[in-house]
N, C-alpha and C. Protein backbone atom coordinates (compact mmCIF):
# COMPACT_ATOMS: atom_id res chain seq x y z
N MET A 1 0.83 -1.19 0.00
CA MET A 1 0.00 0.00 0.00
C MET A 1 0.88 1.25 0.00
N ILE A 2 0.51 2.20 -0.81
CA ILE A 2 1.25 3.46 -0.89
C ILE A 2 0.91 4.31 0.34
N LYS A 3 1.96 4.75 1.03
CA LYS A 3 1.78 5.59 2.21
C LYS A 3 2.37 6.98 2.04
N ALA A 4 3.19 7.18 0.98
CA ALA A 4 3.82 8.48 0.81
C ALA A 4 4.12 8.76 -0.65
N ILE A 5 4.06 10.03 -0.97
CA ILE A 5 4.50 10.56 -2.26
C ILE A 5 5.77 11.36 -1.96
N VAL A 6 6.82 11.09 -2.72
CA VAL A 6 8.05 11.88 -2.63
C VAL A 6 8.27 12.49 -4.01
N SER A 7 8.30 13.80 -4.07
CA SER A 7 8.40 14.51 -5.34
C SER A 7 9.71 15.27 -5.43
N ASP A 8 10.26 15.27 -6.62
CA ASP A 8 11.37 16.16 -6.92
C ASP A 8 10.84 17.59 -6.86
N PHE A 9 11.74 18.55 -6.77
CA PHE A 9 11.33 19.95 -6.68
C PHE A 9 11.53 20.69 -8.00
N SER A 10 12.81 20.82 -8.44
CA SER A 10 13.11 21.58 -9.66
C SER A 10 12.56 20.87 -10.89
N ARG A 11 11.81 21.63 -11.67
CA ARG A 11 11.19 21.18 -12.92
C ARG A 11 10.02 20.22 -12.70
N VAL A 12 9.58 20.12 -11.45
CA VAL A 12 8.35 19.40 -11.14
C VAL A 12 7.44 20.35 -10.35
N VAL A 13 7.90 20.80 -9.20
CA VAL A 13 7.14 21.74 -8.36
C VAL A 13 7.51 23.19 -8.70
N LEU A 14 8.77 23.42 -9.02
CA LEU A 14 9.24 24.75 -9.40
C LEU A 14 9.71 24.70 -10.84
N LEU A 15 9.22 25.64 -11.64
CA LEU A 15 9.54 25.65 -13.07
C LEU A 15 10.21 26.96 -13.45
N PRO A 16 11.05 26.94 -14.49
CA PRO A 16 11.62 28.20 -14.97
C PRO A 16 10.58 28.94 -15.81
N ASN A 17 10.53 30.25 -15.70
CA ASN A 17 9.63 31.02 -16.56
C ASN A 17 10.04 30.91 -18.02
N ASP A 18 11.35 30.86 -18.26
CA ASP A 18 11.88 30.70 -19.61
C ASP A 18 11.90 29.21 -19.94
N GLU A 19 10.92 28.78 -20.73
CA GLU A 19 10.79 27.35 -21.02
C GLU A 19 11.93 26.82 -21.87
N THR A 20 12.73 27.69 -22.46
CA THR A 20 13.88 27.23 -23.26
C THR A 20 15.12 27.04 -22.40
N TYR A 21 15.07 27.48 -21.14
CA TYR A 21 16.21 27.33 -20.24
C TYR A 21 16.39 25.85 -19.91
N THR A 22 17.60 25.33 -20.14
CA THR A 22 17.86 23.91 -19.93
C THR A 22 18.78 23.63 -18.74
N GLY A 23 19.32 24.65 -18.13
CA GLY A 23 20.23 24.45 -17.00
C GLY A 23 19.49 24.12 -15.72
N GLY A 24 20.27 23.92 -14.67
CA GLY A 24 19.71 23.63 -13.36
C GLY A 24 19.10 24.86 -12.71
N LEU A 25 18.01 24.69 -12.01
CA LEU A 25 17.35 25.82 -11.35
C LEU A 25 18.16 26.31 -10.16
N ASN A 26 18.80 25.41 -9.43
CA ASN A 26 19.66 25.84 -8.33
C ASN A 26 20.84 26.67 -8.86
N ALA A 27 21.39 26.26 -10.00
CA ALA A 27 22.51 27.00 -10.60
C ALA A 27 22.07 28.39 -11.04
N LEU A 28 20.90 28.50 -11.64
CA LEU A 28 20.37 29.80 -12.06
C LEU A 28 20.13 30.68 -10.84
N HIS A 29 19.54 30.12 -9.82
CA HIS A 29 19.28 30.87 -8.58
C HIS A 29 20.58 31.36 -7.96
N LYS A 30 21.58 30.50 -7.93
CA LYS A 30 22.89 30.88 -7.37
C LYS A 30 23.49 32.04 -8.15
N LYS A 31 23.43 31.97 -9.47
CA LYS A 31 23.96 33.04 -10.34
C LYS A 31 23.22 34.35 -10.09
N LEU A 32 21.89 34.30 -10.02
CA LEU A 32 21.09 35.51 -9.82
C LEU A 32 21.28 36.08 -8.42
N SER A 33 21.56 35.23 -7.44
CA SER A 33 21.72 35.67 -6.05
C SER A 33 23.07 36.32 -5.77
N LYS A 34 24.03 36.14 -6.66
CA LYS A 34 25.37 36.67 -6.43
C LYS A 34 25.38 38.17 -6.14
N ASP A 35 24.47 38.89 -6.78
CA ASP A 35 24.40 40.34 -6.59
C ASP A 35 23.40 40.73 -5.52
N GLY A 36 22.97 39.79 -4.70
CA GLY A 36 22.02 40.08 -3.63
C GLY A 36 20.60 39.70 -4.03
N GLU A 37 19.64 40.44 -3.52
CA GLU A 37 18.23 40.14 -3.77
C GLU A 37 17.89 40.36 -5.25
N TYR A 38 16.96 39.58 -5.74
CA TYR A 38 16.44 39.75 -7.10
C TYR A 38 14.97 39.35 -7.08
N ASP A 39 14.24 39.69 -8.14
CA ASP A 39 12.82 39.35 -8.20
C ASP A 39 12.68 37.89 -8.64
N PHE A 40 12.57 37.01 -7.68
CA PHE A 40 12.52 35.57 -7.89
C PHE A 40 11.48 35.19 -8.92
N TRP A 41 10.30 35.79 -8.84
CA TRP A 41 9.17 35.40 -9.68
C TRP A 41 9.33 35.86 -11.12
N ASN A 42 10.33 36.70 -11.42
CA ASN A 42 10.64 37.03 -12.82
C ASN A 42 11.30 35.85 -13.52
N TYR A 43 11.87 34.93 -12.77
CA TYR A 43 12.65 33.82 -13.33
C TYR A 43 12.03 32.44 -13.08
N PHE A 44 11.21 32.35 -12.05
CA PHE A 44 10.66 31.05 -11.64
C PHE A 44 9.16 31.16 -11.41
N ARG A 45 8.50 30.01 -11.51
CA ARG A 45 7.06 29.95 -11.17
C ARG A 45 6.77 28.64 -10.47
N LEU A 46 5.89 28.73 -9.53
CA LEU A 46 5.46 27.55 -8.79
C LEU A 46 4.43 26.80 -9.63
N ASN A 47 4.55 25.49 -9.66
CA ASN A 47 3.58 24.66 -10.36
C ASN A 47 2.38 24.50 -9.42
N SER A 48 1.57 25.54 -9.35
CA SER A 48 0.47 25.62 -8.38
C SER A 48 -0.54 24.50 -8.53
N ASP A 49 -0.83 24.10 -9.76
CA ASP A 49 -1.81 23.03 -9.97
C ASP A 49 -1.33 21.73 -9.32
N LEU A 50 -0.05 21.41 -9.48
CA LEU A 50 0.47 20.19 -8.88
C LEU A 50 0.55 20.31 -7.36
N VAL A 51 0.99 21.46 -6.87
CA VAL A 51 1.04 21.68 -5.42
C VAL A 51 -0.36 21.55 -4.82
N ASP A 52 -1.36 22.12 -5.50
CA ASP A 52 -2.74 22.01 -5.01
C ASP A 52 -3.20 20.56 -4.99
N PHE A 53 -2.82 19.79 -6.01
CA PHE A 53 -3.17 18.37 -6.03
C PHE A 53 -2.51 17.65 -4.86
N TYR A 54 -1.21 17.91 -4.67
CA TYR A 54 -0.51 17.28 -3.54
C TYR A 54 -1.22 17.59 -2.22
N LYS A 55 -1.64 18.85 -2.05
CA LYS A 55 -2.37 19.22 -0.82
C LYS A 55 -3.68 18.44 -0.72
N SER A 56 -4.35 18.25 -1.85
CA SER A 56 -5.66 17.58 -1.84
C SER A 56 -5.57 16.10 -1.46
N ILE A 57 -4.41 15.48 -1.67
CA ILE A 57 -4.26 14.07 -1.32
C ILE A 57 -3.54 13.86 0.01
N SER A 58 -3.16 14.95 0.65
CA SER A 58 -2.36 14.83 1.88
C SER A 58 -3.12 14.18 3.04
N SER A 59 -4.43 14.07 2.94
CA SER A 59 -5.17 13.34 3.99
C SER A 59 -5.10 11.83 3.78
N LYS A 60 -4.75 11.41 2.56
CA LYS A 60 -4.62 9.98 2.24
C LYS A 60 -3.18 9.50 2.35
N VAL A 61 -2.23 10.33 1.92
CA VAL A 61 -0.81 9.97 1.94
C VAL A 61 -0.01 11.22 2.31
N ASP A 62 1.12 10.99 2.97
CA ASP A 62 2.02 12.10 3.26
C ASP A 62 2.77 12.47 1.99
N VAL A 63 3.00 13.77 1.80
CA VAL A 63 3.69 14.25 0.60
C VAL A 63 4.96 14.97 1.01
N TYR A 64 6.08 14.53 0.43
CA TYR A 64 7.41 15.05 0.74
C TYR A 64 8.08 15.56 -0.52
N ILE A 65 9.10 16.36 -0.33
CA ILE A 65 9.98 16.78 -1.41
C ILE A 65 11.36 16.18 -1.15
N PHE A 66 11.99 15.70 -2.22
CA PHE A 66 13.39 15.29 -2.18
C PHE A 66 14.07 16.03 -3.32
N THR A 67 14.90 16.99 -2.96
CA THR A 67 15.52 17.88 -3.94
C THR A 67 17.04 17.82 -3.82
N LYS A 68 17.68 18.23 -4.88
CA LYS A 68 19.14 18.19 -4.92
C LYS A 68 19.78 19.30 -4.10
N GLY A 69 19.24 20.49 -4.20
CA GLY A 69 19.92 21.65 -3.64
C GLY A 69 19.17 22.40 -2.57
N TYR A 70 19.10 23.70 -2.74
CA TYR A 70 18.67 24.58 -1.66
C TYR A 70 17.73 25.70 -2.09
N ILE A 71 17.33 25.76 -3.35
CA ILE A 71 16.50 26.86 -3.84
C ILE A 71 15.21 27.00 -3.01
N GLN A 72 14.71 25.90 -2.48
CA GLN A 72 13.46 25.91 -1.70
C GLN A 72 13.58 26.73 -0.41
N GLU A 73 14.81 27.08 -0.04
CA GLU A 73 15.03 27.88 1.17
C GLU A 73 14.96 29.38 0.91
N TYR A 74 14.89 29.79 -0.36
CA TYR A 74 14.83 31.22 -0.67
C TYR A 74 13.55 31.79 -0.06
N PRO A 75 13.64 32.88 0.71
CA PRO A 75 12.50 33.35 1.52
C PRO A 75 11.16 33.49 0.81
N VAL A 76 11.13 34.10 -0.38
CA VAL A 76 9.82 34.30 -1.04
C VAL A 76 9.21 32.98 -1.48
N LEU A 77 10.05 32.02 -1.83
CA LEU A 77 9.55 30.70 -2.22
C LEU A 77 9.18 29.89 -0.99
N LYS A 78 10.03 29.94 0.02
CA LYS A 78 9.78 29.19 1.25
C LYS A 78 8.43 29.58 1.85
N GLU A 79 8.13 30.87 1.83
CA GLU A 79 6.86 31.37 2.35
C GLU A 79 5.69 30.82 1.54
N LYS A 80 5.86 30.73 0.24
CA LYS A 80 4.79 30.28 -0.66
C LYS A 80 4.49 28.79 -0.50
N ILE A 81 5.50 27.98 -0.17
CA ILE A 81 5.28 26.53 -0.07
C ILE A 81 5.11 26.03 1.37
N ARG A 82 5.26 26.95 2.33
CA ARG A 82 5.12 26.57 3.73
C ARG A 82 3.81 25.83 3.96
N GLY A 83 3.90 24.68 4.61
CA GLY A 83 2.72 23.90 4.94
C GLY A 83 2.21 23.00 3.81
N SER A 84 2.83 23.07 2.63
CA SER A 84 2.38 22.27 1.51
C SER A 84 2.91 20.83 1.54
N PHE A 85 4.01 20.62 2.26
CA PHE A 85 4.66 19.31 2.29
C PHE A 85 4.97 18.93 3.73
N LYS A 86 4.93 17.63 3.99
CA LYS A 86 5.21 17.15 5.35
C LYS A 86 6.66 17.44 5.73
N ASN A 87 7.57 17.31 4.76
CA ASN A 87 8.98 17.63 4.99
C ASN A 87 9.67 17.80 3.65
N ILE A 88 10.76 18.53 3.64
CA ILE A 88 11.58 18.72 2.45
C ILE A 88 12.97 18.22 2.77
N PHE A 89 13.44 17.25 1.97
CA PHE A 89 14.77 16.68 2.14
C PHE A 89 15.67 17.19 1.03
N SER A 90 16.84 17.69 1.41
CA SER A 90 17.82 18.18 0.45
C SER A 90 18.99 17.20 0.40
N ALA A 91 19.27 16.70 -0.79
CA ALA A 91 20.39 15.77 -0.97
C ALA A 91 21.69 16.41 -0.52
N SER A 92 21.89 17.68 -0.84
CA SER A 92 23.15 18.34 -0.45
C SER A 92 23.26 18.46 1.06
N GLU A 93 22.15 18.74 1.75
CA GLU A 93 22.19 18.83 3.22
C GLU A 93 22.42 17.46 3.86
N LEU A 94 21.87 16.42 3.25
CA LEU A 94 22.00 15.07 3.79
C LEU A 94 23.31 14.40 3.38
N GLY A 95 24.03 15.02 2.43
CA GLY A 95 25.29 14.45 1.96
C GLY A 95 25.09 13.19 1.11
N ILE A 96 23.99 13.16 0.36
CA ILE A 96 23.70 12.03 -0.51
C ILE A 96 23.49 12.53 -1.94
N LYS A 97 23.44 11.60 -2.88
CA LYS A 97 23.24 11.94 -4.29
C LYS A 97 21.95 11.31 -4.78
N LYS A 98 21.22 12.05 -5.61
CA LYS A 98 19.92 11.58 -6.08
C LYS A 98 20.03 10.46 -7.11
N ASP A 99 21.20 10.25 -7.69
CA ASP A 99 21.35 9.17 -8.66
C ASP A 99 21.92 7.90 -8.03
N ASN A 100 21.80 7.79 -6.71
CA ASN A 100 22.28 6.62 -5.97
C ASN A 100 21.09 5.96 -5.28
N ASP A 101 20.88 4.67 -5.55
CA ASP A 101 19.70 3.99 -5.00
C ASP A 101 19.68 3.97 -3.47
N GLU A 102 20.84 3.98 -2.84
CA GLU A 102 20.90 4.00 -1.37
C GLU A 102 20.25 5.28 -0.81
N SER A 103 20.32 6.37 -1.55
CA SER A 103 19.72 7.64 -1.12
C SER A 103 18.21 7.50 -0.91
N TYR A 104 17.57 6.71 -1.74
CA TYR A 104 16.13 6.55 -1.64
C TYR A 104 15.75 5.64 -0.47
N ARG A 105 16.61 4.71 -0.15
CA ARG A 105 16.38 3.91 1.07
C ARG A 105 16.55 4.79 2.29
N ILE A 106 17.50 5.72 2.26
CA ILE A 106 17.70 6.66 3.37
C ILE A 106 16.46 7.53 3.54
N ILE A 107 15.91 8.04 2.44
CA ILE A 107 14.70 8.87 2.52
C ILE A 107 13.55 8.05 3.12
N ALA A 108 13.38 6.82 2.66
CA ALA A 108 12.32 5.96 3.22
C ALA A 108 12.54 5.75 4.71
N ASP A 109 13.78 5.53 5.13
CA ASP A 109 14.08 5.37 6.56
C ASP A 109 13.73 6.64 7.33
N LEU A 110 14.05 7.79 6.76
CA LEU A 110 13.76 9.07 7.43
C LEU A 110 12.26 9.28 7.64
N ILE A 111 11.44 8.79 6.70
CA ILE A 111 9.99 8.96 6.86
C ILE A 111 9.34 7.70 7.46
N LYS A 112 10.21 6.76 7.84
CA LYS A 112 9.80 5.57 8.61
C LYS A 112 8.79 4.68 7.88
N ILE A 113 9.07 4.47 6.58
CA ILE A 113 8.26 3.51 5.81
C ILE A 113 9.19 2.73 4.88
N GLU A 114 8.67 1.68 4.30
CA GLU A 114 9.43 0.88 3.35
C GLU A 114 9.44 1.56 1.98
N PRO A 115 10.52 1.44 1.22
CA PRO A 115 10.57 2.05 -0.11
C PRO A 115 9.39 1.61 -1.00
N GLU A 116 8.92 0.39 -0.83
CA GLU A 116 7.80 -0.13 -1.63
C GLU A 116 6.49 0.62 -1.36
N GLN A 117 6.45 1.39 -0.29
CA GLN A 117 5.25 2.14 0.07
C GLN A 117 5.29 3.59 -0.43
N VAL A 118 6.27 3.88 -1.30
CA VAL A 118 6.49 5.25 -1.78
C VAL A 118 6.32 5.33 -3.29
N ILE A 119 5.65 6.39 -3.74
CA ILE A 119 5.68 6.78 -5.14
C ILE A 119 6.65 7.95 -5.24
N TYR A 120 7.64 7.82 -6.11
CA TYR A 120 8.62 8.88 -6.32
C TYR A 120 8.40 9.50 -7.70
N ILE A 121 8.35 10.83 -7.76
CA ILE A 121 8.12 11.57 -9.00
C ILE A 121 9.34 12.44 -9.30
N ASP A 122 9.84 12.35 -10.52
CA ASP A 122 11.00 13.15 -10.93
C ASP A 122 10.95 13.29 -12.45
N ASP A 123 11.67 14.28 -12.96
CA ASP A 123 11.80 14.45 -14.40
C ASP A 123 13.11 13.87 -14.92
N ASN A 124 13.97 13.38 -14.02
CA ASN A 124 15.29 12.88 -14.38
C ASN A 124 15.29 11.35 -14.34
N GLN A 125 15.55 10.74 -15.49
CA GLN A 125 15.47 9.28 -15.58
C GLN A 125 16.50 8.58 -14.70
N ASP A 126 17.70 9.14 -14.55
CA ASP A 126 18.70 8.52 -13.67
C ASP A 126 18.21 8.44 -12.24
N ASN A 127 17.57 9.51 -11.76
CA ASN A 127 17.02 9.51 -10.40
C ASN A 127 15.88 8.49 -10.28
N LEU A 128 15.04 8.43 -11.29
CA LEU A 128 13.93 7.47 -11.28
C LEU A 128 14.45 6.03 -11.26
N ASN A 129 15.49 5.77 -12.04
CA ASN A 129 16.08 4.43 -12.05
C ASN A 129 16.62 4.05 -10.68
N SER A 130 17.26 5.01 -10.01
CA SER A 130 17.80 4.75 -8.67
C SER A 130 16.69 4.50 -7.67
N ALA A 131 15.63 5.30 -7.72
CA ALA A 131 14.50 5.11 -6.82
C ALA A 131 13.83 3.76 -7.05
N LYS A 132 13.69 3.39 -8.31
CA LYS A 132 13.08 2.09 -8.64
C LYS A 132 13.97 0.95 -8.14
N LYS A 133 15.27 1.09 -8.32
CA LYS A 133 16.21 0.06 -7.84
C LYS A 133 16.11 -0.09 -6.33
N ALA A 134 15.81 1.00 -5.63
CA ALA A 134 15.66 0.97 -4.17
C ALA A 134 14.32 0.35 -3.76
N GLY A 135 13.41 0.18 -4.71
CA GLY A 135 12.13 -0.45 -4.41
C GLY A 135 10.92 0.46 -4.50
N MET A 136 11.12 1.73 -4.81
CA MET A 136 10.00 2.67 -4.89
C MET A 136 9.25 2.52 -6.21
N HIS A 137 7.98 2.89 -6.20
CA HIS A 137 7.20 3.05 -7.42
C HIS A 137 7.64 4.39 -8.00
N VAL A 138 7.74 4.51 -9.31
CA VAL A 138 8.21 5.75 -9.89
C VAL A 138 7.27 6.26 -10.97
N ILE A 139 7.23 7.59 -11.09
CA ILE A 139 6.49 8.27 -12.15
C ILE A 139 7.41 9.33 -12.72
N CYS A 140 7.61 9.26 -14.04
CA CYS A 140 8.41 10.28 -14.71
C CYS A 140 7.51 11.47 -15.00
N TYR A 141 7.91 12.63 -14.49
CA TYR A 141 7.09 13.84 -14.69
C TYR A 141 7.20 14.30 -16.14
N ASN A 142 6.07 14.29 -16.83
CA ASN A 142 5.96 14.86 -18.17
C ASN A 142 4.97 16.01 -18.19
N SER A 143 3.90 15.85 -17.41
CA SER A 143 2.87 16.88 -17.33
C SER A 143 2.11 16.69 -16.03
N ASN A 144 1.43 17.74 -15.60
CA ASN A 144 0.60 17.63 -14.40
C ASN A 144 -0.48 16.58 -14.58
N GLU A 145 -1.15 16.60 -15.73
CA GLU A 145 -2.24 15.68 -15.97
C GLU A 145 -1.77 14.23 -15.86
N GLN A 146 -0.63 13.93 -16.45
CA GLN A 146 -0.10 12.57 -16.43
C GLN A 146 0.24 12.15 -15.01
N VAL A 147 0.88 13.01 -14.23
CA VAL A 147 1.25 12.68 -12.85
C VAL A 147 0.00 12.53 -11.98
N ILE A 148 -0.91 13.46 -12.11
CA ILE A 148 -2.15 13.41 -11.32
C ILE A 148 -2.94 12.14 -11.63
N ASN A 149 -3.05 11.79 -12.91
CA ASN A 149 -3.77 10.57 -13.29
C ASN A 149 -3.07 9.33 -12.75
N SER A 150 -1.75 9.28 -12.86
CA SER A 150 -1.00 8.11 -12.38
C SER A 150 -1.13 7.94 -10.88
N ILE A 151 -1.00 9.03 -10.13
CA ILE A 151 -1.13 8.95 -8.67
C ILE A 151 -2.56 8.56 -8.29
N SER A 152 -3.54 9.18 -8.94
CA SER A 152 -4.94 8.89 -8.64
C SER A 152 -5.25 7.42 -8.88
N GLU A 153 -4.75 6.88 -9.98
CA GLU A 153 -4.95 5.45 -10.27
C GLU A 153 -4.34 4.58 -9.19
N GLU A 154 -3.12 4.89 -8.82
CA GLU A 154 -2.40 4.09 -7.81
C GLU A 154 -3.12 4.14 -6.46
N LEU A 155 -3.54 5.31 -6.06
CA LEU A 155 -4.22 5.44 -4.77
C LEU A 155 -5.58 4.76 -4.78
N LYS A 156 -6.29 4.83 -5.88
CA LYS A 156 -7.59 4.17 -5.99
C LYS A 156 -7.41 2.65 -5.88
N LEU A 157 -6.38 2.12 -6.53
CA LEU A 157 -6.10 0.69 -6.43
C LEU A 157 -5.85 0.30 -4.99
N ASN A 158 -5.08 1.10 -4.29
CA ASN A 158 -4.78 0.80 -2.90
C ASN A 158 -6.02 0.90 -2.02
N ILE A 159 -6.85 1.87 -2.28
CA ILE A 159 -8.07 2.04 -1.48
C ILE A 159 -8.98 0.84 -1.69
N ASN A 160 -9.10 0.36 -2.95
CA ASN A 160 -9.96 -0.80 -3.24
C ASN A 160 -9.42 -2.09 -2.66
N LYS A 161 -8.11 -2.18 -2.45
CA LYS A 161 -7.52 -3.39 -1.89
C LYS A 161 -7.81 -3.53 -0.41
N ASN A 162 -8.08 -2.43 0.27
CA ASN A 162 -8.28 -2.48 1.73
C ASN A 162 -9.69 -2.87 2.09
């Protein structure tokens, strides 16, 4: 039975305003922050539809973020996502790498469930492969509709099994 959703942050929950930008969002944020404060929302946008969906299912399953870096700590963004997730895990803070299957077992241990009880969502296939190798169910983020449908199907199956 699925007990938790663990979602990537960059390019799933947080998107670049410039859809042609292919670099990392943490790297862009770091570059823009070098000169001090900047208008965060000129460069980034919150995937509000997905965040709202995550909130809507939080009574059925706990929803977490597992991200590579630290952009989620930027004050204007942190304020906007406060209370939307049970916890946010940063690979850099934990000293782990997202392309290592052991990292996903560590995340499962931190939330005190088995990897098999987790759906992991990411846009990076290497990360998805590692999560799957650790035993998690995986969904490759392509669109909100696809992720929402996949999670809804999985949760409905679990509800009917009980």
